[in-house]
Amino acid sequence: MADSSQKSDLLQGTLDVLILKVVALGPIHGYAIAQRLQQMSGAVLQVQQGSLYPALHRLEKRKWLKAEWAASETGREARFYTLTRLGRAQLEEQRANWHRLSAAITGVLGTAE
């Protein structure tokens, strides 16, 4: 049985919606997105750079995110991501899909054997 400290792998689509959710909170750079996801998940979710940055580029290419260079809190230049109108619509659609799917899975797992 897994305990709560065990790390979880994320499917690509799940990572995308989690990134959209974090960026919806306000402009943020990539490293801070990974930190925020870890913090918000109680350290269960840890996103590696090899997954995060390709996802950010994919979301930017789909015009769900917009990126601009600016100084980070350390004074170094970083790409800060913001949610576009299309990205906000996608987040809402994916959130609704997630709730429907998780309710269905809960229903299946909750049935007696």
PDB file of N, CA and C in Angstrom:
ATOM      1  N   MET A   1       0.847  -1.184   0.000  1.00  0.00           N
ATOM      2  CA  MET A   1       0.000   0.000   0.000  1.00  0.00           C
ATOM      3  C   MET A   1       0.890   1.244   0.000  1.00  0.00           C
ATOM      4  N   ALA A   2       0.533   2.236  -0.783  1.00  0.00           N
ATOM      5  CA  ALA A   2       1.321   3.459  -0.898  1.00  0.00           C
ATOM      6  C   ALA A   2       0.997   4.402   0.256  1.00  0.00           C
ATOM      7  N   ASP A   3       2.037   5.089   0.752  1.00  0.00           N
ATOM      8  CA  ASP A   3       1.776   6.105   1.763  1.00  0.00           C
ATOM      9  C   ASP A   3       1.765   7.484   1.120  1.00  0.00           C
ATOM     10  N   SER A   4       1.373   8.502   1.876  1.00  0.00           N
ATOM     11  CA  SER A   4       1.194   9.832   1.306  1.00  0.00           C
ATOM     12  C   SER A   4       2.504  10.487   0.894  1.00  0.00           C
ATOM     13  N   SER A   5       3.645   9.954   1.345  1.00  0.00           N
ATOM     14  CA  SER A   5       4.925  10.554   0.955  1.00  0.00           C
ATOM     15  C   SER A   5       5.418  10.019  -0.382  1.00  0.00           C
ATOM     16  N   GLN A   6       4.757   8.993  -0.912  1.00  0.00           N
ATOM     17  CA  GLN A   6       5.159   8.426  -2.196  1.00  0.00           C
ATOM     18  C   GLN A   6       4.876   9.424  -3.312  1.00  0.00           C
ATOM     19  N   LYS A   7       5.837   9.575  -4.226  1.00  0.00           N
ATOM     20  CA  LYS A   7       5.684  10.518  -5.333  1.00  0.00           C
ATOM     21  C   LYS A   7       4.800   9.900  -6.414  1.00  0.00           C
ATOM     22  N   SER A   8       4.064  10.756  -7.123  1.00  0.00           N
ATOM     23  CA  SER A   8       3.158  10.292  -8.165  1.00  0.00           C
ATOM     24  C   SER A   8       3.623  10.771  -9.531  1.00  0.00           C
ATOM     25  N   ASP A   9       3.518   9.913 -10.522  1.00  0.00           N
ATOM     26  CA  ASP A   9       3.787  10.299 -11.902  1.00  0.00           C
ATOM     27  C   ASP A   9       2.516  10.891 -12.485  1.00  0.00           C
ATOM     28  N   LEU A  10       2.686  11.873 -13.367  1.00  0.00           N
ATOM     29  CA  LEU A  10       1.531  12.540 -13.962  1.00  0.00           C
ATOM     30  C   LEU A  10       1.417  12.211 -15.441  1.00  0.00           C
ATOM     31  N   LEU A  11       0.212  12.009 -15.898  1.00  0.00           N
ATOM     32  CA  LEU A  11      -0.032  11.881 -17.319  1.00  0.00           C
ATOM     33  C   LEU A  11       0.082  13.255 -17.962  1.00  0.00           C
ATOM     34  N   GLN A  12       0.452  13.303 -19.231  1.00  0.00           N
ATOM     35  CA  GLN A  12       0.664  14.581 -19.923  1.00  0.00           C
ATOM     36  C   GLN A  12      -0.521  15.523 -19.791  1.00  0.00           C
ATOM     37  N   GLY A  13      -1.716  15.065 -20.059  1.00  0.00           N
ATOM     38  CA  GLY A  13      -2.889  15.929 -19.992  1.00  0.00           C
ATOM     39  C   GLY A  13      -3.142  16.457 -18.594  1.00  0.00           C
ATOM     40  N   THR A  14      -2.848  15.635 -17.587  1.00  0.00           N
ATOM     41  CA  THR A  14      -3.015  16.060 -16.204  1.00  0.00           C
ATOM     42  C   THR A  14      -2.013  17.155 -15.869  1.00  0.00           C
ATOM     43  N   LEU A  15      -0.775  16.990 -16.303  1.00  0.00           N
ATOM     44  CA  LEU A  15       0.240  18.017 -16.072  1.00  0.00           C
ATOM     45  C   LEU A  15      -0.186  19.336 -16.719  1.00  0.00           C
ATOM     46  N   ASP A  16      -0.706  19.264 -17.925  1.00  0.00           N
ATOM     47  CA  ASP A  16      -1.142  20.476 -18.624  1.00  0.00           C
ATOM     48  C   ASP A  16      -2.182  21.236 -17.815  1.00  0.00           C
ATOM     49  N   VAL A  17      -3.191  20.555 -17.315  1.00  0.00           N
ATOM     50  CA  VAL A  17      -4.264  21.241 -16.583  1.00  0.00           C
ATOM     51  C   VAL A  17      -3.747  21.768 -15.250  1.00  0.00           C
ATOM     52  N   LEU A  18      -2.826  21.063 -14.614  1.00  0.00           N
ATOM     53  CA  LEU A  18      -2.252  21.555 -13.361  1.00  0.00           C
ATOM     54  C   LEU A  18      -1.428  22.821 -13.599  1.00  0.00           C
ATOM     55  N   ILE A  19      -0.683  22.840 -14.695  1.00  0.00           N
ATOM     56  CA  ILE A  19       0.081  24.044 -15.044  1.00  0.00           C
ATOM     57  C   ILE A  19      -0.878  25.202 -15.297  1.00  0.00           C
ATOM     58  N   LEU A  20      -1.944  24.960 -16.056  1.00  0.00           N
ATOM     59  CA  LEU A  20      -2.920  26.023 -16.326  1.00  0.00           C
ATOM     60  C   LEU A  20      -3.499  26.567 -15.019  1.00  0.00           C
ATOM     61  N   LYS A  21      -3.786  25.689 -14.075  1.00  0.00           N
ATOM     62  CA  LYS A  21      -4.347  26.112 -12.789  1.00  0.00           C
ATOM     63  C   LYS A  21      -3.366  27.001 -12.037  1.00  0.00           C
ATOM     64  N   VAL A  22      -2.097  26.600 -11.982  1.00  0.00           N
ATOM     65  CA  VAL A  22      -1.103  27.395 -11.263  1.00  0.00           C
ATOM     66  C   VAL A  22      -0.909  28.750 -11.937  1.00  0.00           C
ATOM     67  N   VAL A  23      -0.823  28.767 -13.257  1.00  0.00           N
ATOM     68  CA  VAL A  23      -0.618  30.026 -13.978  1.00  0.00           C
ATOM     69  C   VAL A  23      -1.836  30.933 -13.842  1.00  0.00           C
ATOM     70  N   ALA A  24      -3.022  30.356 -13.687  1.00  0.00           N
ATOM     71  CA  ALA A  24      -4.240  31.157 -13.511  1.00  0.00           C
ATOM     72  C   ALA A  24      -4.181  32.008 -12.242  1.00  0.00           C
ATOM     73  N   LEU A  25      -3.332  31.625 -11.298  1.00  0.00           N
ATOM     74  CA  LEU A  25      -3.204  32.366 -10.044  1.00  0.00           C
ATOM     75  C   LEU A  25      -2.420  33.661 -10.212  1.00  0.00           C
ATOM     76  N   GLY A  26      -1.697  33.791 -11.344  1.00  0.00           N
ATOM     77  CA  GLY A  26      -0.939  35.012 -11.613  1.00  0.00           C
ATOM     78  C   GLY A  26       0.340  34.704 -12.359  1.00  0.00           C
ATOM     79  N   PRO A  27       0.983  35.725 -12.930  1.00  0.00           N
ATOM     80  CA  PRO A  27       2.211  35.516 -13.700  1.00  0.00           C
ATOM     81  C   PRO A  27       3.270  34.776 -12.875  1.00  0.00           C
ATOM     82  N   ILE A  28       3.909  33.796 -13.501  1.00  0.00           N
ATOM     83  CA  ILE A  28       4.832  32.938 -12.766  1.00  0.00           C
ATOM     84  C   ILE A  28       5.841  32.328 -13.735  1.00  0.00           C
ATOM     85  N   HIS A  29       7.063  32.121 -13.280  1.00  0.00           N
ATOM     86  CA  HIS A  29       8.081  31.500 -14.133  1.00  0.00           C
ATOM     87  C   HIS A  29       8.116  29.991 -13.891  1.00  0.00           C
ATOM     88  N   GLY A  30       8.783  29.292 -14.795  1.00  0.00           N
ATOM     89  CA  GLY A  30       8.764  27.832 -14.795  1.00  0.00           C
ATOM     90  C   GLY A  30       9.175  27.180 -13.494  1.00  0.00           C
ATOM     91  N   TYR A  31      10.313  27.586 -12.957  1.00  0.00           N
ATOM     92  CA  TYR A  31      10.792  26.968 -11.715  1.00  0.00           C
ATOM     93  C   TYR A  31       9.772  27.164 -10.592  1.00  0.00           C
ATOM     94  N   ALA A  32       9.168  28.346 -10.536  1.00  0.00           N
ATOM     95  CA  ALA A  32       8.169  28.629  -9.503  1.00  0.00           C
ATOM     96  C   ALA A  32       6.895  27.797  -9.713  1.00  0.00           C
ATOM     97  N   ILE A  33       6.580  27.464 -10.972  1.00  0.00           N
ATOM     98  CA  ILE A  33       5.420  26.591 -11.239  1.00  0.00           C
ATOM     99  C   ILE A  33       5.651  25.237 -10.591  1.00  0.00           C
ATOM    100  N   ALA A  34       6.833  24.677 -10.794  1.00  0.00           N
ATOM    101  CA  ALA A  34       7.164  23.371 -10.202  1.00  0.00           C
ATOM    102  C   ALA A  34       7.092  23.438  -8.676  1.00  0.00           C
ATOM    103  N   GLN A  35       7.634  24.519  -8.096  1.00  0.00           N
ATOM    104  CA  GLN A  35       7.593  24.682  -6.640  1.00  0.00           C
ATOM    105  C   GLN A  35       6.158  24.803  -6.138  1.00  0.00           C
ATOM    106  N   ARG A  36       5.334  25.589  -6.844  1.00  0.00           N
ATOM    107  CA  ARG A  36       3.942  25.793  -6.428  1.00  0.00           C
ATOM    108  C   ARG A  36       3.160  24.487  -6.501  1.00  0.00           C
ATOM    109  N   LEU A  37       3.361  23.692  -7.559  1.00  0.00           N
ATOM    110  CA  LEU A  37       2.671  22.402  -7.662  1.00  0.00           C
ATOM    111  C   LEU A  37       3.054  21.486  -6.505  1.00  0.00           C
ATOM    112  N   GLN A  38       4.331  21.477  -6.179  1.00  0.00           N
ATOM    113  CA  GLN A  38       4.788  20.650  -5.067  1.00  0.00           C
ATOM    114  C   GLN A  38       4.151  21.128  -3.758  1.00  0.00           C
ATOM    115  N   GLN A  39       4.142  22.435  -3.555  1.00  0.00           N
ATOM    116  CA  GLN A  39       3.561  23.013  -2.339  1.00  0.00           C
ATOM    117  C   GLN A  39       2.060  22.739  -2.252  1.00  0.00           C
ATOM    118  N   MET A  40       1.330  22.993  -3.347  1.00  0.00           N
ATOM    119  CA  MET A  40      -0.122  22.837  -3.338  1.00  0.00           C
ATOM    120  C   MET A  40      -0.544  21.380  -3.158  1.00  0.00           C
ATOM    121  N   SER A  41       0.313  20.447  -3.568  1.00  0.00           N
ATOM    122  CA  SER A  41      -0.024  19.019  -3.473  1.00  0.00           C
ATOM    123  C   SER A  41       0.498  18.386  -2.192  1.00  0.00           C
ATOM    124  N   GLY A  42       1.021  19.175  -1.280  1.00  0.00           N
ATOM    125  CA  GLY A  42       1.576  18.616  -0.054  1.00  0.00           C
ATOM    126  C   GLY A  42       2.803  17.774  -0.330  1.00  0.00           C
ATOM    127  N   ALA A  43       3.571  18.159  -1.338  1.00  0.00           N
ATOM    128  CA  ALA A  43       4.823  17.496  -1.746  1.00  0.00           C
ATOM    129  C   ALA A  43       4.599  16.128  -2.391  1.00  0.00           C
ATOM    130  N   VAL A  44       3.364  15.815  -2.766  1.00  0.00           N
ATOM    131  CA  VAL A  44       3.100  14.545  -3.453  1.00  0.00           C
ATOM    132  C   VAL A  44       3.504  14.653  -4.920  1.00  0.00           C
ATOM    133  N   LEU A  45       3.216  15.793  -5.547  1.00  0.00           N
ATOM    134  CA  LEU A  45       3.537  15.991  -6.962  1.00  0.00           C
ATOM    135  C   LEU A  45       4.852  16.736  -7.106  1.00  0.00           C
ATOM    136  N   GLN A  46       5.780  16.132  -7.839  1.00  0.00           N
ATOM    137  CA  GLN A  46       7.037  16.787  -8.148  1.00  0.00           C
ATOM    138  C   GLN A  46       7.234  16.701  -9.650  1.00  0.00           C
ATOM    139  N   VAL A  47       7.335  17.855 -10.284  1.00  0.00           N
ATOM    140  CA  VAL A  47       7.456  17.910 -11.741  1.00  0.00           C
ATOM    141  C   VAL A  47       8.908  18.185 -12.091  1.00  0.00           C
ATOM    142  N   GLN A  48       9.475  17.316 -12.893  1.00  0.00           N
ATOM    143  CA  GLN A  48      10.864  17.461 -13.320  1.00  0.00           C
ATOM    144  C   GLN A  48      10.945  18.439 -14.493  1.00  0.00           C
ATOM    145  N   GLN A  49      12.085  19.096 -14.618  1.00  0.00           N
ATOM    146  CA  GLN A  49      12.284  20.050 -15.713  1.00  0.00           C
ATOM    147  C   GLN A  49      12.064  19.406 -17.073  1.00  0.00           C
ATOM    148  N   GLY A  50      12.439  18.142 -17.208  1.00  0.00           N
ATOM    149  CA  GLY A  50      12.283  17.435 -18.469  1.00  0.00           C
ATOM    150  C   GLY A  50      10.834  17.245 -18.885  1.00  0.00           C
ATOM    151  N   SER A  51       9.916  17.360 -17.949  1.00  0.00           N
ATOM    152  CA  SER A  51       8.480  17.309 -18.247  1.00  0.00           C
ATOM    153  C   SER A  51       7.871  18.707 -18.276  1.00  0.00           C
ATOM    154  N   LEU A  52       8.314  19.564 -17.366  1.00  0.00           N
ATOM    155  CA  LEU A  52       7.716  20.887 -17.215  1.00  0.00           C
ATOM    156  C   LEU A  52       7.931  21.780 -18.429  1.00  0.00           C
ATOM    157  N   TYR A  53       9.174  21.932 -18.858  1.00  0.00           N
ATOM    158  CA  TYR A  53       9.445  22.895 -19.926  1.00  0.00           C
ATOM    159  C   TYR A  53       8.860  22.484 -21.281  1.00  0.00           C
ATOM    160  N   PRO A  54       8.884  21.205 -21.645  1.00  0.00           N
ATOM    161  CA  PRO A  54       8.167  20.828 -22.876  1.00  0.00           C
ATOM    162  C   PRO A  54       6.662  21.105 -22.768  1.00  0.00           C
ATOM    163  N   ALA A  55       6.088  20.906 -21.581  1.00  0.00           N
ATOM    164  CA  ALA A  55       4.660  21.190 -21.392  1.00  0.00           C
ATOM    165  C   ALA A  55       4.392  22.682 -21.524  1.00  0.00           C
ATOM    166  N   LEU A  56       5.245  23.516 -20.949  1.00  0.00           N
ATOM    167  CA  LEU A  56       5.073  24.969 -21.071  1.00  0.00           C
ATOM    168  C   LEU A  56       5.149  25.403 -22.534  1.00  0.00           C
ATOM    169  N   HIS A  57       6.103  24.850 -23.273  1.00  0.00           N
ATOM    170  CA  HIS A  57       6.218  25.199 -24.699  1.00  0.00           C
ATOM    171  C   HIS A  57       4.997  24.725 -25.480  1.00  0.00           C
ATOM    172  N   ARG A  58       4.493  23.536 -25.149  1.00  0.00           N
ATOM    173  CA  ARG A  58       3.302  22.994 -25.816  1.00  0.00           C
ATOM    174  C   ARG A  58       2.093  23.892 -25.550  1.00  0.00           C
ATOM    175  N   LEU A  59       1.932  24.327 -24.312  1.00  0.00           N
ATOM    176  CA  LEU A  59       0.793  25.177 -23.953  1.00  0.00           C
ATOM    177  C   LEU A  59       0.906  26.561 -24.579  1.00  0.00           C
ATOM    178  N   GLU A  60       2.127  27.048 -24.702  1.00  0.00           N
ATOM    179  CA  GLU A  60       2.341  28.334 -25.364  1.00  0.00           C
ATOM    180  C   GLU A  60       2.042  28.222 -26.859  1.00  0.00           C
ATOM    181  N   LYS A  61       2.456  27.127 -27.462  1.00  0.00           N
ATOM    182  CA  LYS A  61       2.200  26.907 -28.889  1.00  0.00           C
ATOM    183  C   LYS A  61       0.696  26.818 -29.179  1.00  0.00           C
ATOM    184  N   ARG A  62      -0.051  26.249 -28.231  1.00  0.00           N
ATOM    185  CA  ARG A  62      -1.515  26.148 -28.384  1.00  0.00           C
ATOM    186  C   ARG A  62      -2.217  27.467 -28.059  1.00  0.00           C
ATOM    187  N   LYS A  63      -1.421  28.461 -27.662  1.00  0.00           N
ATOM    188  CA  LYS A  63      -1.936  29.790 -27.306  1.00  0.00           C
ATOM    189  C   LYS A  63      -2.784  29.775 -26.043  1.00  0.00           C
ATOM    190  N   TRP A  64      -2.499  28.828 -25.153  1.00  0.00           N
ATOM    191  CA  TRP A  64      -3.164  28.773 -23.860  1.00  0.00           C
ATOM    192  C   TRP A  64      -2.374  29.558 -22.828  1.00  0.00           C
ATOM    193  N   LEU A  65      -1.070  29.725 -23.085  1.00  0.00           N
ATOM    194  CA  LEU A  65      -0.198  30.526 -22.237  1.00  0.00           C
ATOM    195  C   LEU A  65       0.511  31.563 -23.084  1.00  0.00           C
ATOM    196  N   LYS A  66       0.855  32.674 -22.449  1.00  0.00           N
ATOM    197  CA  LYS A  66       1.672  33.705 -23.079  1.00  0.00           C
ATOM    198  C   LYS A  66       2.899  33.866 -22.190  1.00  0.00           C
ATOM    199  N   ALA A  67       4.082  34.023 -22.803  1.00  0.00           N
ATOM    200  CA  ALA A  67       5.310  34.158 -22.023  1.00  0.00           C
ATOM    201  C   ALA A  67       6.010  35.466 -22.355  1.00  0.00           C
ATOM    202  N   GLU A  68       6.549  36.093 -21.329  1.00  0.00           N
ATOM    203  CA  GLU A  68       7.317  37.325 -21.491  1.00  0.00           C
ATOM    204  C   GLU A  68       8.527  37.255 -20.574  1.00  0.00           C
ATOM    205  N   TRP A  69       9.643  37.787 -21.050  1.00  0.00           N
ATOM    206  CA  TRP A  69      10.849  37.845 -20.240  1.00  0.00           C
ATOM    207  C   TRP A  69      10.727  38.980 -19.238  1.00  0.00           C
ATOM    208  N   ALA A  70      11.136  38.714 -17.999  1.00  0.00           N
ATOM    209  CA  ALA A  70      11.148  39.731 -16.945  1.00  0.00           C
ATOM    210  C   ALA A  70      12.134  39.282 -15.866  1.00  0.00           C
ATOM    211  N   ALA A  71      12.492  40.181 -14.994  1.00  0.00           N
ATOM    212  CA  ALA A  71      13.404  39.852 -13.892  1.00  0.00           C
ATOM    213  C   ALA A  71      12.654  39.036 -12.838  1.00  0.00           C
ATOM    214  N   SER A  72      13.282  37.953 -12.405  1.00  0.00           N
ATOM    215  CA  SER A  72      12.690  37.131 -11.346  1.00  0.00           C
ATOM    216  C   SER A  72      13.043  37.726  -9.983  1.00  0.00           C
ATOM    217  N   GLU A  73      12.576  37.062  -8.926  1.00  0.00           N
ATOM    218  CA  GLU A  73      12.850  37.546  -7.573  1.00  0.00           C
ATOM    219  C   GLU A  73      14.340  37.532  -7.248  1.00  0.00           C
ATOM    220  N   THR A  74      15.126  36.757  -7.995  1.00  0.00           N
ATOM    221  CA  THR A  74      16.578  36.727  -7.782  1.00  0.00           C
ATOM    222  C   THR A  74      17.293  37.788  -8.618  1.00  0.00           C
ATOM    223  N   GLY A  75      16.531  38.491  -9.470  1.00  0.00           N
ATOM    224  CA  GLY A  75      17.123  39.510 -10.336  1.00  0.00           C
ATOM    225  C   GLY A  75      17.548  38.977 -11.697  1.00  0.00           C
ATOM    226  N   ARG A  76      17.496  37.665 -11.866  1.00  0.00           N
ATOM    227  CA  ARG A  76      17.839  37.057 -13.150  1.00  0.00           C
ATOM    228  C   ARG A  76      16.631  37.088 -14.073  1.00  0.00           C
ATOM    229  N   GLU A  77      16.903  37.150 -15.368  1.00  0.00           N
ATOM    230  CA  GLU A  77      15.816  37.128 -16.358  1.00  0.00           C
ATOM    231  C   GLU A  77      15.176  35.740 -16.404  1.00  0.00           C
ATOM    232  N   ALA A  78      13.860  35.701 -16.492  1.00  0.00           N
ATOM    233  CA  ALA A  78      13.117  34.448 -16.585  1.00  0.00           C
ATOM    234  C   ALA A  78      11.878  34.688 -17.439  1.00  0.00           C
ATOM    235  N   ARG A  79      11.379  33.607 -18.030  1.00  0.00           N
ATOM    236  CA  ARG A  79      10.136  33.695 -18.797  1.00  0.00           C
ATOM    237  C   ARG A  79       8.965  33.541 -17.827  1.00  0.00           C
ATOM    238  N   PHE A  80       8.140  34.576 -17.764  1.00  0.00           N
ATOM    239  CA  PHE A  80       6.958  34.546 -16.915  1.00  0.00           C
ATOM    240  C   PHE A  80       5.748  34.216 -17.779  1.00  0.00           C
ATOM    241  N   TYR A  81       4.974  33.263 -17.311  1.00  0.00           N
ATOM    242  CA  TYR A  81       3.822  32.770 -18.053  1.00  0.00           C
ATOM    243  C   TYR A  81       2.539  33.354 -17.480  1.00  0.00           C
ATOM    244  N   THR A  82       1.630  33.712 -18.372  1.00  0.00           N
ATOM    245  CA  THR A  82       0.287  34.137 -17.988  1.00  0.00           C
ATOM    246  C   THR A  82      -0.721  33.344 -18.814  1.00  0.00           C
ATOM    247  N   LEU A  83      -1.915  33.203 -18.270  1.00  0.00           N
ATOM    248  CA  LEU A  83      -2.986  32.473 -18.934  1.00  0.00           C
ATOM    249  C   LEU A  83      -3.662  33.375 -19.956  1.00  0.00           C
ATOM    250  N   THR A  84      -3.904  32.855 -21.143  1.00  0.00           N
ATOM    251  CA  THR A  84      -4.651  33.602 -22.159  1.00  0.00           C
ATOM    252  C   THR A  84      -6.142  33.318 -21.989  1.00  0.00           C
ATOM    253  N   ARG A  85      -6.950  34.022 -22.757  1.00  0.00           N
ATOM    254  CA  ARG A  85      -8.398  33.768 -22.742  1.00  0.00           C
ATOM    255  C   ARG A  85      -8.676  32.317 -23.150  1.00  0.00           C
ATOM    256  N   LEU A  86      -7.971  31.842 -24.179  1.00  0.00           N
ATOM    257  CA  LEU A  86      -8.127  30.446 -24.614  1.00  0.00           C
ATOM    258  C   LEU A  86      -7.697  29.480 -23.509  1.00  0.00           C
ATOM    259  N   GLY A  87      -6.624  29.828 -22.814  1.00  0.00           N
ATOM    260  CA  GLY A  87      -6.134  28.995 -21.727  1.00  0.00           C
ATOM    261  C   GLY A  87      -7.120  28.912 -20.582  1.00  0.00           C
ATOM    262  N   ARG A  88      -7.757  30.038 -20.267  1.00  0.00           N
ATOM    263  CA  ARG A  88      -8.760  30.048 -19.191  1.00  0.00           C
ATOM    264  C   ARG A  88      -9.953  29.166 -19.566  1.00  0.00           C
ATOM    265  N   ALA A  89     -10.387  29.242 -20.829  1.00  0.00           N
ATOM    266  CA  ALA A  89     -11.495  28.395 -21.295  1.00  0.00           C
ATOM    267  C   ALA A  89     -11.099  26.921 -21.233  1.00  0.00           C
ATOM    268  N   GLN A  90      -9.868  26.621 -21.626  1.00  0.00           N
ATOM    269  CA  GLN A  90      -9.374  25.242 -21.592  1.00  0.00           C
ATOM    270  C   GLN A  90      -9.314  24.727 -20.156  1.00  0.00           C
ATOM    271  N   LEU A  91      -8.856  25.573 -19.244  1.00  0.00           N
ATOM    272  CA  LEU A  91      -8.795  25.188 -17.830  1.00  0.00           C
ATOM    273  C   LEU A  91     -10.183  24.830 -17.320  1.00  0.00           C
ATOM    274  N   GLU A  92     -11.167  25.650 -17.622  1.00  0.00           N
ATOM    275  CA  GLU A  92     -12.533  25.376 -17.151  1.00  0.00           C
ATOM    276  C   GLU A  92     -13.082  24.084 -17.757  1.00  0.00           C
ATOM    277  N   GLU A  93     -12.809  23.870 -19.040  1.00  0.00           N
ATOM    278  CA  GLU A  93     -13.266  22.639 -19.695  1.00  0.00           C
ATOM    279  C   GLU A  93     -12.599  21.408 -19.074  1.00  0.00           C
ATOM    280  N   GLN A  94     -11.291  21.492 -18.864  1.00  0.00           N
ATOM    281  CA  GLN A  94     -10.565  20.363 -18.284  1.00  0.00           C
ATOM    282  C   GLN A  94     -10.959  20.119 -16.830  1.00  0.00           C
ATOM    283  N   ARG A  95     -11.241  21.190 -16.114  1.00  0.00           N
ATOM    284  CA  ARG A  95     -11.679  21.038 -14.714  1.00  0.00           C
ATOM    285  C   ARG A  95     -13.008  20.279 -14.672  1.00  0.00           C
ATOM    286  N   ALA A  96     -13.940  20.634 -15.556  1.00  0.00           N
ATOM    287  CA  ALA A  96     -15.229  19.939 -15.615  1.00  0.00           C
ATOM    288  C   ALA A  96     -15.031  18.469 -16.003  1.00  0.00           C
ATOM    289  N   ASN A  97     -14.167  18.224 -16.980  1.00  0.00           N
ATOM    290  CA  ASN A  97     -13.880  16.842 -17.385  1.00  0.00           C
ATOM    291  C   ASN A  97     -13.283  16.047 -16.233  1.00  0.00           C
ATOM    292  N   TRP A  98     -12.352  16.676 -15.505  1.00  0.00           N
ATOM    293  CA  TRP A  98     -11.698  15.995 -14.383  1.00  0.00           C
ATOM    294  C   TRP A  98     -12.723  15.619 -13.314  1.00  0.00           C
ATOM    295  N   HIS A  99     -13.622  16.531 -12.980  1.00  0.00           N
ATOM    296  CA  HIS A  99     -14.631  16.235 -11.956  1.00  0.00           C
ATOM    297  C   HIS A  99     -15.541  15.094 -12.400  1.00  0.00           C
ATOM    298  N   ARG A 100     -15.934  15.094 -13.662  1.00  0.00           N
ATOM    299  CA  ARG A 100     -16.788  14.019 -14.187  1.00  0.00           C
ATOM    300  C   ARG A 100     -16.052  12.682 -14.142  1.00  0.00           C
ATOM    301  N   LEU A 101     -14.794  12.672 -14.605  1.00  0.00           N
ATOM    302  CA  LEU A 101     -14.011  11.440 -14.636  1.00  0.00           C
ATOM    303  C   LEU A 101     -13.706  10.933 -13.234  1.00  0.00           C
ATOM    304  N   SER A 102     -13.305  11.826 -12.335  1.00  0.00           N
ATOM    305  CA  SER A 102     -12.969  11.378 -10.978  1.00  0.00           C
ATOM    306  C   SER A 102     -14.202  10.844 -10.253  1.00  0.00           C
ATOM    307  N   ALA A 103     -15.377  11.437 -10.511  1.00  0.00           N
ATOM    308  CA  ALA A 103     -16.614  10.924  -9.904  1.00  0.00           C
ATOM    309  C   ALA A 103     -16.923   9.527 -10.434  1.00  0.00           C
ATOM    310  N   ALA A 104     -16.696   9.314 -11.724  1.00  0.00           N
ATOM    311  CA  ALA A 104     -16.947   7.991 -12.317  1.00  0.00           C
ATOM    312  C   ALA A 104     -15.990   6.946 -11.735  1.00  0.00           C
ATOM    313  N   ILE A 105     -14.723   7.302 -11.602  1.00  0.00           N
ATOM    314  CA  ILE A 105     -13.736   6.370 -11.050  1.00  0.00           C
ATOM    315  C   ILE A 105     -14.048   6.072  -9.590  1.00  0.00           C
ATOM    316  N   THR A 106     -14.419   7.105  -8.832  1.00  0.00           N
ATOM    317  CA  THR A 106     -14.796   6.908  -7.441  1.00  0.00           C
ATOM    318  C   THR A 106     -15.993   5.952  -7.347  1.00  0.00           C
ATOM    319  N   GLY A 107     -16.937   6.112  -8.274  1.00  0.00           N
ATOM    320  CA  GLY A 107     -18.091   5.217  -8.286  1.00  0.00           C
ATOM    321  C   GLY A 107     -17.700   3.768  -8.528  1.00  0.00           C
ATOM    322  N   VAL A 108     -16.790   3.562  -9.465  1.00  0.00           N
ATOM    323  CA  VAL A 108     -16.335   2.195  -9.758  1.00  0.00           C
ATOM    324  C   VAL A 108     -15.556   1.619  -8.583  1.00  0.00           C
ATOM    325  N   LEU A 109     -14.613   2.391  -8.047  1.00  0.00           N
ATOM    326  CA  LEU A 109     -13.797   1.894  -6.952  1.00  0.00           C
ATOM    327  C   LEU A 109     -14.598   1.726  -5.661  1.00  0.00           C
ATOM    328  N   GLY A 110     -15.683   2.461  -5.531  1.00  0.00           N
ATOM    329  CA  GLY A 110     -16.484   2.390  -4.323  1.00  0.00           C
ATOM    330  C   GLY A 110     -17.471   1.238  -4.273  1.00  0.00           C
ATOM    331  N   THR A 111     -17.628   0.529  -5.402  1.00  0.00           N
ATOM    332  CA  THR A 111     -18.581  -0.589  -5.419  1.00  0.00           C
ATOM    333  C   THR A 111     -17.993  -1.787  -4.677  1.00  0.00           C
ATOM    334  N   ALA A 112     -18.855  -2.544  -4.039  1.00  0.00           N
ATOM    335  CA  ALA A 112     -18.426  -3.732  -3.291  1.00  0.00           C
ATOM    336  C   ALA A 112     -17.940  -4.809  -4.254  1.00  0.00           C
ATOM    337  N   GLU A 113     -17.005  -5.583  -3.770  1.00  0.00           N
ATOM    338  CA  GLU A 113     -16.452  -6.679  -4.609  1.00  0.00           C
ATOM    339  C   GLU A 113     -17.350  -7.884  -4.577  1.00  0.00           C
TER     340      GLU A 113
END
